[in-house]
Amino acid sequence: MAVDIKSQLNTERNFDSEKRNPESEKKIPEFAIIGHPNEGKSSVVSTLAEDDSIAISPIPGETVVCQVLPVIIDGQEIIRFIDTPGFQNPRETLEWMKSYSGPDEFLLKNFIETHRNDPDFKDECELLSPVERGAGIIFVVDGSRPVRQSDRIEMEILRMTGRPRMSIVNCKGNEPVHLNQWQNEFRKHFNSIRQFNAHKATWSERIDLLESLKGVDQEWQPALTKVIESFKQDWQHRNRLTAAMTVEMLEHILTFTVTANIGQNETFEEVKDRVEQDFRSKVEAMERLTHQKVRKLFRHNIFNCELPANSILHEPLFSKKTWQFLGLTPKEVAFAAAMAGGAAGVVVDVIAAGITFGVFSAIGGILGAGSALLSGRRIADLTFNGVKLGKDQVRVGPIDNIQLMYILLDRMLIFHASIINWAHARREFEPEILNHNISENLKKGITAGWDGESKKICNRFFQNLCGKKRGKSETNKIRESMKWTILPALENTVY
């Protein structure tokens, strides 16, 4: 049965503010992402919310209105992030706040009411509105540049709001050369300080950031504990679905066949080459389709996750380089090719309605006794008891080489590693931010390091597909064992 991602994982991002439940509103943690224009606010939101639909631009002022990004798991909103515009007139805003003489709890409300219709303070009213409603503050700066006076003014404005607040150094350059300077300033204004590169943050780094938010305000701890647990359960669910889709892909590919009749004016070799190529292209298409399902499962819906230039996934599945790269010696590759008939395996079936099985046994004996090079046309001319056996048919597959299963597994694990380490704020491949561990592990087969018990389960799974079929109950047990064998490699291997 096909794995239906749509029904099992809700990644819907539509948000209708008119339909919010006031009671549930209080329970959902909400954070406004605030900062100077072009400091990486939208990138941080995109990565935290796993939403690649957010516009990210090097042009300052791309965000002009607040954009609410809810994180929805199993149909329930568990946390929301708000992408805000940058400050427009921070100096004048701070002067007004310092001269304010009313109750502190009404500072933001009175500021917004006073300046609501003033175009010079449009951005300040917009970005401070969610804070006035009770959102926590995540202040984002670019640590590759020095602290400016306007930054100190913005930080003082946020301090005066009295809301719980965290500062994030989003290092857009390779090194946070001004990190110490930023940290010294942040200690004067913020409850928590984090380094967070939105363009290469991993899932565990996003979880660590949420853990840090729990310490900013004690009132947030229960809600954020639930949020973090939901994130972890959702991640496990996605990995389980990936394991299920991998098993489904293996079942389809390892039992797949392509057949074609040999026409009146065609040679056996011509048809064999055509069918073999058709077989390869369709198997590779099955693999690509499964990879795309995994990509969507991890919420990369718009921008393509490009692979490193040296990734073996750029090579065709049936190329000699692929098989050598993922652990086979030249001798083993040659053996695999021989077993697979040049990567696919070619069998000539003779079709003759009404002829008993013994005929085919006899023909098999003929072929097996040394006539394997007999052309398709000559096979078609064979007769049995004066009955012509009919036209030939070239059948490619199913593949009876277990190495293909391990190659497919390795390629899936490599693809999965690339996808989960591609932050949603990234819009194109950046070689300099590729994690060294990922790069090294993309150069070797992963399943080669599996223990004996795991390989035993894989072999049993392969034999069930290609050998004697077991009952439905036993087959389901084998399939489940295979899923649970793949899952640790998806969850625990550090790429």
Protein backbone atom coordinates (compact mmCIF):
# COMPACT_ATOMS: atom_id res chain seq x y z
CA MET A 1 0.00 0.00 0.00
CA ALA A 2 1.39 3.41 -0.95
CA VAL A 3 2.43 5.80 1.81
CA ASP A 4 0.13 8.83 1.66
CA ILE A 5 2.10 11.73 3.11
CA LYS A 6 -0.79 14.12 2.73
CA SER A 7 -3.08 12.18 5.01
CA GLN A 8 -0.43 11.29 7.58
CA LEU A 9 1.45 14.55 7.96
CA ASN A 10 -0.30 17.93 7.96
CA THR A 11 1.98 20.60 6.62
CA GLU A 12 -0.72 23.10 5.85
CA ARG A 13 0.41 26.69 6.39
CA ASN A 14 -2.86 28.58 5.81
CA PHE A 15 -3.73 30.73 8.79
CA ASP A 16 -7.10 32.43 9.30
CA SER A 17 -6.85 34.91 12.17
CA GLU A 18 -10.63 35.42 12.19
CA LYS A 19 -11.15 31.80 13.26
CA ARG A 20 -8.75 31.73 16.22
CA ASN A 21 -10.16 30.31 19.42
CA PRO A 22 -9.58 32.84 22.26
CA GLU A 23 -9.03 30.04 24.77
CA SER A 24 -6.50 28.14 22.68
CA GLU A 25 -4.87 31.49 21.76
CA LYS A 26 -3.57 31.81 25.32
CA LYS A 27 -1.95 28.38 25.23
CA ILE A 28 0.02 28.79 21.99
CA PRO A 29 3.51 30.27 22.46
CA GLU A 30 4.04 33.21 20.14
CA PHE A 31 7.32 34.92 19.26
CA ALA A 32 7.93 38.08 17.26
CA ILE A 33 11.17 37.99 15.27
CA ILE A 34 12.48 41.56 15.40
CA GLY A 35 15.57 43.29 14.08
CA HIS A 36 17.12 45.78 11.72
CA PRO A 37 16.29 45.33 8.00
CA ASN A 38 18.41 42.76 6.15
CA GLU A 39 19.73 41.14 9.32
CA GLY A 40 18.24 37.72 8.60
CA LYS A 41 14.89 37.85 10.41
CA SER A 42 13.02 36.13 7.59
CA SER A 43 15.74 33.49 7.34
CA VAL A 44 15.42 32.68 11.05
CA VAL A 45 11.63 32.43 10.78
CA SER A 46 11.83 30.25 7.66
CA THR A 47 14.17 27.77 9.34
CA LEU A 48 12.37 27.69 12.71
CA ALA A 49 8.96 27.23 11.09
CA GLU A 50 10.27 24.88 8.35
CA ASP A 51 8.61 27.06 5.75
CA ASP A 52 10.44 27.81 2.52
CA SER A 53 7.61 29.98 1.20
CA ILE A 54 8.83 33.01 3.16
CA ALA A 55 10.33 35.70 0.92
CA ILE A 56 14.04 36.15 1.65
CA SER A 57 15.83 38.98 -0.11
CA PRO A 58 19.15 40.85 0.25
CA ILE A 59 17.20 44.07 -0.35
CA PRO A 60 16.47 45.84 2.97
CA GLY A 61 12.81 46.30 3.82
CA GLU A 62 11.47 43.24 1.99
CA THR A 63 9.14 42.55 4.95
CA VAL A 64 6.69 45.46 5.36
CA VAL A 65 3.87 43.83 7.34
CA CYS A 66 3.86 41.17 10.02
CA GLN A 67 3.54 37.65 8.67
CA VAL A 68 2.29 34.98 11.06
CA LEU A 69 3.86 31.56 10.54
CA PRO A 70 2.15 28.85 12.59
CA VAL A 71 3.79 25.47 13.08
CA ILE A 72 1.10 22.81 12.66
CA ILE A 73 1.57 19.19 13.68
CA ASP A 74 -1.20 16.60 13.35
CA GLY A 75 -3.64 19.38 12.47
CA GLN A 76 -2.91 21.36 15.64
CA GLU A 77 -1.05 24.66 15.86
CA ILE A 78 1.64 24.26 18.52
CA ILE A 79 3.67 27.47 18.20
CA ARG A 80 3.73 30.54 15.97
CA PHE A 81 6.49 32.82 14.79
CA ILE A 82 5.87 36.33 13.48
CA ASP A 83 8.14 37.84 10.85
CA THR A 84 8.16 41.63 11.39
CA PRO A 85 9.38 44.66 9.42
CA GLY A 86 12.53 46.42 10.60
CA PHE A 87 12.59 49.58 12.67
CA GLN A 88 11.92 52.74 10.70
CA ASN A 89 12.54 55.52 13.25
CA PRO A 90 14.09 53.90 16.31
CA ARG A 91 15.63 57.11 17.71
CA GLU A 92 12.31 59.02 17.73
CA THR A 93 10.52 55.94 19.08
CA LEU A 94 12.92 55.68 22.02
CA GLU A 95 12.60 59.41 22.76
CA TRP A 96 8.81 59.09 22.93
CA MET A 97 9.03 56.04 25.23
CA LYS A 98 11.46 57.80 27.57
CA SER A 99 9.10 60.76 27.84
CA TYR A 100 6.07 58.54 28.47
CA SER A 101 4.63 59.05 31.96
CA GLY A 102 1.72 56.59 32.06
CA PRO A 103 1.57 53.06 33.53
CA ASP A 104 4.34 50.80 32.19
CA GLU A 105 1.89 48.06 31.19
CA PHE A 106 0.21 50.47 28.74
CA LEU A 107 3.42 51.80 27.17
CA LEU A 108 3.13 49.87 23.89
CA LYS A 109 -0.62 50.27 23.64
CA ASN A 110 -0.40 54.04 24.01
CA PHE A 111 2.53 54.27 21.59
CA ILE A 112 0.62 52.39 18.90
CA GLU A 113 -2.59 54.38 19.46
CA THR A 114 -0.64 57.65 19.31
CA HIS A 115 1.26 56.84 16.11
CA ARG A 116 -1.17 54.53 14.32
CA ASN A 117 -1.91 57.01 11.51
CA ASP A 118 1.59 58.51 11.31
CA PRO A 119 3.38 57.15 8.20
CA ASP A 120 6.77 57.90 9.82
CA PHE A 121 6.07 55.25 12.48
CA LYS A 122 4.20 52.72 10.36
CA ASP A 123 6.86 50.02 10.74
CA GLU A 124 7.26 50.56 14.50
CA CYS A 125 3.50 50.23 15.04
CA GLU A 126 3.43 47.10 12.91
CA LEU A 127 6.36 45.30 14.55
CA LEU A 128 5.39 46.24 18.13
CA SER A 129 1.74 45.17 17.77
CA PRO A 130 2.35 41.43 18.39
CA VAL A 131 4.58 42.34 21.35
CA GLU A 132 1.78 44.48 22.76
CA ARG A 133 -0.53 41.46 22.43
CA GLY A 134 1.87 39.37 24.52
CA ALA A 135 4.35 37.80 22.09
CA GLY A 136 7.86 37.06 23.27
CA ILE A 137 10.75 38.75 21.50
CA ILE A 138 13.54 37.16 19.46
CA PHE A 139 15.93 39.91 18.38
CA VAL A 140 18.09 39.00 15.36
CA VAL A 141 21.38 40.68 14.41
CA ASP A 142 24.13 39.95 11.92
CA GLY A 143 27.24 39.06 13.93
CA SER A 144 29.56 39.58 10.97
CA ARG A 145 29.24 43.37 11.36
CA PRO A 146 30.03 45.62 14.37
CA VAL A 147 27.46 47.02 16.79
CA ARG A 148 26.07 50.40 15.74
CA GLN A 149 24.36 53.10 17.77
CA SER A 150 21.05 52.32 16.06
CA ASP A 151 21.36 48.74 17.38
CA ARG A 152 21.75 50.00 20.95
CA ILE A 153 18.67 52.16 20.49
CA GLU A 154 16.60 49.24 19.19
CA MET A 155 17.75 47.02 22.06
CA GLU A 156 16.77 49.69 24.59
CA ILE A 157 13.31 49.97 23.00
CA LEU A 158 12.83 46.23 23.38
CA ARG A 159 14.06 46.31 26.98
CA MET A 160 11.50 48.99 27.80
CA THR A 161 8.67 46.78 26.52
CA GLY A 162 9.17 44.56 29.56
CA ARG A 163 8.50 41.44 27.49
CA PRO A 164 10.66 38.26 27.77
CA ARG A 165 13.30 38.43 25.07
CA MET A 166 16.08 36.41 23.50
CA SER A 167 18.85 37.69 21.24
CA ILE A 168 20.13 35.69 18.28
CA VAL A 169 23.42 36.30 16.50
CA ASN A 170 22.67 35.17 12.95
CA CYS A 171 26.16 35.01 11.47
CA LYS A 172 25.71 35.59 7.75
CA GLY A 173 29.47 35.53 7.18
CA ASN A 174 31.75 32.57 7.76
CA GLU A 175 32.94 33.80 11.17
CA PRO A 176 31.12 35.88 13.82
CA VAL A 177 34.08 38.28 14.05
CA HIS A 178 32.15 40.75 16.21
CA LEU A 179 30.55 38.14 18.47
CA ASN A 180 32.17 39.37 21.71
CA GLN A 181 31.03 42.92 21.09
CA TRP A 182 27.46 41.78 20.47
CA GLN A 183 27.46 39.56 23.54
CA ASN A 184 28.60 42.42 25.76
CA GLU A 185 25.75 44.60 24.50
CA PHE A 186 23.19 41.81 24.69
CA ARG A 187 23.92 41.14 28.36
CA LYS A 188 22.60 44.60 29.17
CA HIS A 189 19.24 44.09 27.47
CA PHE A 190 18.32 40.40 27.04
CA ASN A 191 17.44 37.36 29.12
CA SER A 192 19.19 34.89 26.79
CA ILE A 193 21.81 34.96 24.02
CA ARG A 194 22.20 32.39 21.23
CA GLN A 195 24.30 31.89 18.12
CA PHE A 196 22.13 30.58 15.31
CA ASN A 197 23.03 30.43 11.65
CA ALA A 198 19.65 30.18 9.90
CA HIS A 199 21.27 28.95 6.67
CA LYS A 200 22.80 25.81 8.13
CA ALA A 201 20.94 25.14 11.40
CA THR A 202 20.14 21.46 11.89
CA TRP A 203 17.01 20.05 13.48
CA SER A 204 18.82 19.49 16.80
CA GLU A 205 20.02 23.11 16.79
CA ARG A 206 16.43 24.29 16.35
CA ILE A 207 15.41 22.15 19.32
CA ASP A 208 18.29 23.58 21.38
CA LEU A 209 17.06 27.09 20.63
CA LEU A 210 13.56 26.22 21.82
CA GLU A 211 15.05 24.69 24.97
CA SER A 212 16.80 28.00 25.60
CA LEU A 213 13.52 29.88 25.22
CA LYS A 214 12.15 27.89 28.16
CA GLY A 215 14.64 29.64 30.42
CA VAL A 216 13.70 33.15 29.29
CA ASP A 217 10.41 33.17 31.19
CA GLN A 218 9.17 30.58 33.67
CA GLU A 219 5.59 30.98 32.46
CA TRP A 220 6.61 29.63 29.04
CA GLN A 221 8.13 26.41 30.33
CA PRO A 222 5.03 24.15 30.35
CA ALA A 223 3.86 25.24 26.89
CA LEU A 224 7.34 25.07 25.34
CA THR A 225 7.96 21.65 26.90
CA LYS A 226 4.89 20.41 25.02
CA VAL A 227 6.07 22.15 21.84
CA ILE A 228 9.49 20.49 22.00
CA GLU A 229 7.94 17.09 22.65
CA SER A 230 5.62 17.58 19.65
CA PHE A 231 8.58 18.50 17.45
CA LYS A 232 10.45 15.36 18.53
CA GLN A 233 7.47 13.08 17.99
CA ASP A 234 6.83 14.64 14.57
CA TRP A 235 10.46 14.12 13.56
CA GLN A 236 10.27 10.47 14.59
CA HIS A 237 7.04 10.13 12.62
CA ARG A 238 8.67 11.53 9.49
CA ASN A 239 11.62 9.17 9.80
CA ARG A 240 9.24 6.23 10.20
CA LEU A 241 7.40 7.30 7.05
CA THR A 242 10.75 7.56 5.24
CA ALA A 243 11.59 4.00 6.31
CA ALA A 244 8.17 2.81 5.07
CA MET A 245 8.60 4.58 1.74
CA THR A 246 12.07 3.08 1.37
CA VAL A 247 10.73 -0.44 1.87
CA GLU A 248 7.92 0.26 -0.60
CA MET A 249 10.45 1.51 -3.17
CA LEU A 250 12.60 -1.60 -2.73
CA GLU A 251 9.59 -3.86 -3.20
CA HIS A 252 8.58 -2.10 -6.40
CA ILE A 253 12.06 -1.97 -7.93
CA LEU A 254 13.24 -5.45 -6.96
CA THR A 255 10.11 -7.11 -8.40
CA PHE A 256 9.83 -4.87 -11.47
CA THR A 257 9.89 -6.23 -15.01
CA VAL A 258 9.61 -4.80 -18.51
CA THR A 259 8.63 -6.92 -21.51
CA ALA A 260 8.43 -6.36 -25.24
CA ASN A 261 7.69 -8.50 -28.28
CA ILE A 262 10.28 -8.89 -31.01
CA GLY A 263 8.78 -7.41 -34.15
CA GLN A 264 8.92 -8.86 -37.64
CA ASN A 265 11.81 -6.64 -38.74
CA GLU A 266 13.68 -6.43 -35.42
CA THR A 267 16.64 -8.38 -34.12
CA PHE A 268 16.79 -9.82 -30.65
CA GLU A 269 19.70 -7.51 -29.73
CA GLU A 270 17.83 -4.39 -30.83
CA VAL A 271 14.82 -5.22 -28.70
CA LYS A 272 16.97 -6.34 -25.78
CA ASP A 273 18.84 -3.01 -25.75
CA ARG A 274 15.62 -1.04 -26.01
CA VAL A 275 13.87 -2.94 -23.23
CA GLU A 276 16.92 -2.84 -21.00
CA GLN A 277 17.15 0.94 -21.38
CA ASP A 278 13.43 1.26 -20.70
CA PHE A 279 13.86 -0.86 -17.58
CA ARG A 280 16.72 1.26 -16.27
CA SER A 281 14.97 4.56 -16.88
CA LYS A 282 11.79 3.39 -15.15
CA VAL A 283 13.67 2.05 -12.12
CA GLU A 284 15.60 5.32 -11.83
CA ALA A 285 12.29 7.20 -12.09
CA MET A 286 10.90 5.13 -9.19
CA GLU A 287 13.91 6.07 -7.09
CA ARG A 288 13.59 9.77 -7.96
CA LEU A 289 9.89 9.75 -7.13
CA THR A 290 10.58 8.27 -3.69
CA HIS A 291 13.31 10.84 -3.07
CA GLN A 292 10.88 13.62 -3.96
CA LYS A 293 8.33 12.22 -1.51
CA VAL A 294 10.97 12.35 1.21
CA ARG A 295 11.85 15.91 0.22
CA LYS A 296 8.21 16.92 0.58
CA LEU A 297 7.89 15.00 3.84
CA PHE A 298 10.58 17.22 5.34
CA ARG A 299 8.70 20.28 4.06
CA HIS A 300 10.95 21.37 1.24
CA ASN A 301 8.10 22.30 -1.08
CA ILE A 302 9.34 25.19 -3.21
CA PHE A 303 13.11 25.41 -3.46
CA ASN A 304 15.11 22.45 -4.65
CA CYS A 305 17.62 20.99 -2.19
CA GLU A 306 20.75 20.84 -4.28
CA LEU A 307 23.30 18.12 -3.58
CA PRO A 308 27.05 18.68 -3.24
CA ALA A 309 28.94 18.50 -6.51
CA ASN A 310 30.72 15.32 -5.41
CA SER A 311 27.55 13.54 -4.33
CA ILE A 312 27.16 10.06 -5.76
CA LEU A 313 23.47 10.82 -6.27
CA HIS A 314 24.47 12.82 -9.36
CA GLU A 315 25.53 9.53 -10.94
CA PRO A 316 22.95 7.24 -12.58
CA LEU A 317 21.82 4.36 -10.40
CA PHE A 318 23.20 1.77 -12.80
CA SER A 319 26.56 3.40 -13.48
CA LYS A 320 29.76 1.53 -12.65
CA LYS A 321 30.96 4.55 -10.67
CA THR A 322 27.92 4.39 -8.40
CA TRP A 323 28.50 0.77 -7.50
CA GLN A 324 32.25 1.20 -6.93
CA PHE A 325 31.72 4.41 -4.96
CA LEU A 326 29.33 2.69 -2.57
CA GLY A 327 31.65 -0.13 -1.63
CA LEU A 328 31.91 -2.75 -4.39
CA THR A 329 35.31 -3.75 -5.71
CA PRO A 330 35.88 -3.80 -9.51
CA LYS A 331 35.59 -7.61 -9.42
CA GLU A 332 32.29 -7.40 -7.53
CA VAL A 333 31.00 -4.77 -9.94
CA ALA A 334 31.83 -7.03 -12.87
CA PHE A 335 30.05 -9.91 -11.17
CA ALA A 336 27.04 -7.68 -10.47
CA ALA A 337 26.90 -6.62 -14.09
CA ALA A 338 27.05 -10.20 -15.23
CA MET A 339 24.31 -11.21 -12.83
CA ALA A 340 22.19 -8.29 -13.96
CA GLY A 341 22.77 -8.59 -17.68
CA GLY A 342 24.54 -5.26 -17.95
CA ALA A 343 22.72 -3.71 -15.01
CA ALA A 344 19.28 -5.14 -15.49
CA GLY A 345 19.26 -8.84 -16.30
CA VAL A 346 17.78 -10.13 -19.54
CA VAL A 347 15.56 -13.22 -19.84
CA VAL A 348 14.04 -14.46 -23.07
CA ASP A 349 10.55 -15.85 -22.55
CA VAL A 350 8.91 -17.82 -25.34
CA ILE A 351 5.16 -17.31 -25.44
CA ALA A 352 3.01 -20.21 -26.69
CA ALA A 353 -0.57 -20.53 -25.55
CA GLY A 354 -1.78 -24.04 -24.79
CA ILE A 355 1.67 -25.64 -24.58
CA THR A 356 2.42 -27.56 -21.39
CA PHE A 357 5.00 -26.51 -18.83
CA GLY A 358 7.21 -29.39 -19.92
CA VAL A 359 7.88 -27.59 -23.19
CA PHE A 360 9.30 -24.65 -21.37
CA SER A 361 11.36 -26.92 -19.17
CA ALA A 362 12.77 -28.49 -22.31
CA ILE A 363 13.55 -25.09 -23.84
CA GLY A 364 15.16 -24.05 -20.57
CA GLY A 365 17.32 -27.12 -20.79
CA ILE A 366 18.31 -26.26 -24.35
CA LEU A 367 19.30 -22.73 -23.34
CA GLY A 368 21.03 -23.93 -20.21
CA ALA A 369 22.98 -26.59 -22.08
CA GLY A 370 24.98 -24.09 -24.07
CA SER A 371 22.58 -22.38 -26.45
CA ALA A 372 22.22 -19.19 -24.37
CA LEU A 373 23.44 -17.14 -27.33
CA LEU A 374 20.62 -18.44 -29.48
CA SER A 375 19.01 -15.39 -31.11
CA GLY A 376 15.42 -14.46 -30.55
CA ARG A 377 14.55 -15.17 -34.16
CA ARG A 378 15.90 -18.73 -33.99
CA ILE A 379 14.00 -19.34 -30.74
CA ALA A 380 10.84 -18.23 -32.48
CA ASP A 381 11.39 -20.89 -35.11
CA LEU A 382 11.54 -23.73 -32.58
CA THR A 383 8.76 -26.33 -32.76
CA PHE A 384 7.54 -28.98 -30.36
CA ASN A 385 5.73 -32.04 -31.74
CA GLY A 386 5.20 -30.09 -34.95
CA VAL A 387 3.69 -27.08 -33.15
CA LYS A 388 5.41 -23.73 -33.68
CA LEU A 389 5.98 -22.09 -30.33
CA GLY A 390 5.11 -18.56 -31.42
CA LYS A 391 6.88 -15.25 -31.21
CA ASP A 392 9.57 -14.32 -28.71
CA GLN A 393 9.34 -11.79 -25.96
CA VAL A 394 12.20 -10.05 -24.20
CA ARG A 395 11.72 -9.65 -20.48
CA VAL A 396 14.08 -7.59 -18.33
CA GLY A 397 13.89 -8.13 -14.59
CA PRO A 398 13.26 -8.81 -11.88
CA ILE A 399 16.82 -8.21 -10.72
CA ASP A 400 18.21 -11.11 -8.73
CA ASN A 401 21.30 -9.30 -7.46
CA ILE A 402 21.10 -8.33 -3.78
CA GLN A 403 23.76 -5.67 -4.27
CA LEU A 404 21.20 -3.44 -5.97
CA MET A 405 19.14 -3.42 -2.77
CA TYR A 406 22.10 -2.19 -0.76
CA ILE A 407 22.93 0.43 -3.40
CA LEU A 408 19.36 1.74 -3.24
CA LEU A 409 19.50 1.80 0.57
CA ASP A 410 22.79 3.70 0.57
CA ARG A 411 21.49 6.25 -1.90
CA MET A 412 18.33 6.79 0.14
CA LEU A 413 20.31 7.30 3.35
CA ILE A 414 22.60 9.77 1.60
CA PHE A 415 19.62 11.66 0.17
CA HIS A 416 17.88 11.72 3.56
CA ALA A 417 21.05 13.11 5.17
CA SER A 418 21.22 15.90 2.60
CA ILE A 419 17.54 16.80 3.02
CA ILE A 420 17.44 16.95 6.82
CA ASN A 421 20.58 19.10 6.87
CA TRP A 422 19.21 21.60 4.35
CA ALA A 423 17.84 24.52 6.39
CA HIS A 424 14.63 26.01 5.01
CA ALA A 425 16.20 29.47 4.79
CA ARG A 426 18.67 28.26 2.17
CA ARG A 427 17.69 29.15 -1.36
CA GLU A 428 20.70 27.75 -3.22
CA PHE A 429 23.65 25.46 -2.63
CA GLU A 430 26.49 27.04 -0.66
CA PRO A 431 29.54 24.72 -0.57
CA GLU A 432 31.23 26.64 2.24
CA ILE A 433 28.46 25.86 4.72
CA LEU A 434 28.33 22.13 4.03
CA ASN A 435 29.08 20.32 7.27
CA HIS A 436 32.39 18.43 7.07
CA ASN A 437 30.86 15.25 8.50
CA ILE A 438 28.17 15.30 5.82
CA SER A 439 30.75 15.73 3.07
CA GLU A 440 32.89 12.85 4.32
CA ASN A 441 29.99 10.45 4.77
CA LEU A 442 28.64 11.14 1.30
CA LYS A 443 31.76 9.39 -0.02
CA LYS A 444 31.12 5.89 1.24
CA GLY A 445 28.48 3.24 1.49
CA ILE A 446 26.57 3.36 4.78
CA THR A 447 25.07 -0.12 4.87
CA ALA A 448 28.58 -1.63 4.65
CA GLY A 449 28.93 -0.77 8.33
CA TRP A 450 25.68 -2.43 9.45
CA ASP A 451 25.95 -5.30 11.90
CA GLY A 452 25.34 -8.93 11.05
CA GLU A 453 21.80 -9.03 12.40
CA SER A 454 20.74 -6.03 10.27
CA LYS A 455 22.22 -7.59 7.15
CA LYS A 456 20.51 -10.87 7.98
CA ILE A 457 17.14 -9.09 8.04
CA CYS A 458 17.97 -7.36 4.73
CA ASN A 459 18.89 -10.68 3.14
CA ARG A 460 15.68 -12.27 4.37
CA PHE A 461 13.69 -9.36 2.96
CA PHE A 462 15.42 -9.75 -0.41
CA GLN A 463 14.88 -13.50 -0.48
CA ASN A 464 11.19 -13.03 0.26
CA LEU A 465 10.90 -10.74 -2.76
CA CYS A 466 12.97 -12.76 -5.18
CA GLY A 467 12.71 -16.29 -3.85
CA LYS A 468 9.97 -18.49 -2.52
CA LYS A 469 7.04 -16.39 -1.36
CA ARG A 470 5.82 -16.77 2.19
CA GLY A 471 2.33 -16.28 3.54
CA LYS A 472 0.87 -12.80 3.92
CA SER A 473 1.40 -12.75 7.69
CA GLU A 474 5.03 -13.81 7.41
CA THR A 475 5.65 -11.34 4.57
CA ASN A 476 4.24 -8.48 6.67
CA LYS A 477 6.54 -9.45 9.56
CA ILE A 478 9.54 -9.41 7.24
CA ARG A 479 8.50 -6.02 5.86
CA GLU A 480 8.13 -4.57 9.39
CA SER A 481 11.51 -5.96 10.41
CA MET A 482 13.04 -4.25 7.38
CA LYS A 483 11.47 -0.90 8.35
CA TRP A 484 12.84 -1.15 11.89
CA THR A 485 16.27 -2.03 10.48
CA ILE A 486 16.34 1.08 8.30
CA LEU A 487 14.97 3.43 10.96
CA PRO A 488 18.07 3.62 13.23
CA ALA A 489 20.18 4.64 10.24
CA LEU A 490 17.74 7.49 9.57
CA GLU A 491 17.56 8.59 13.21
CA ASN A 492 20.95 7.95 14.74
CA THR A 493 23.64 8.19 12.09
CA VAL A 494 25.44 11.54 12.20
CA TYR A 495 26.07 12.79 8.67
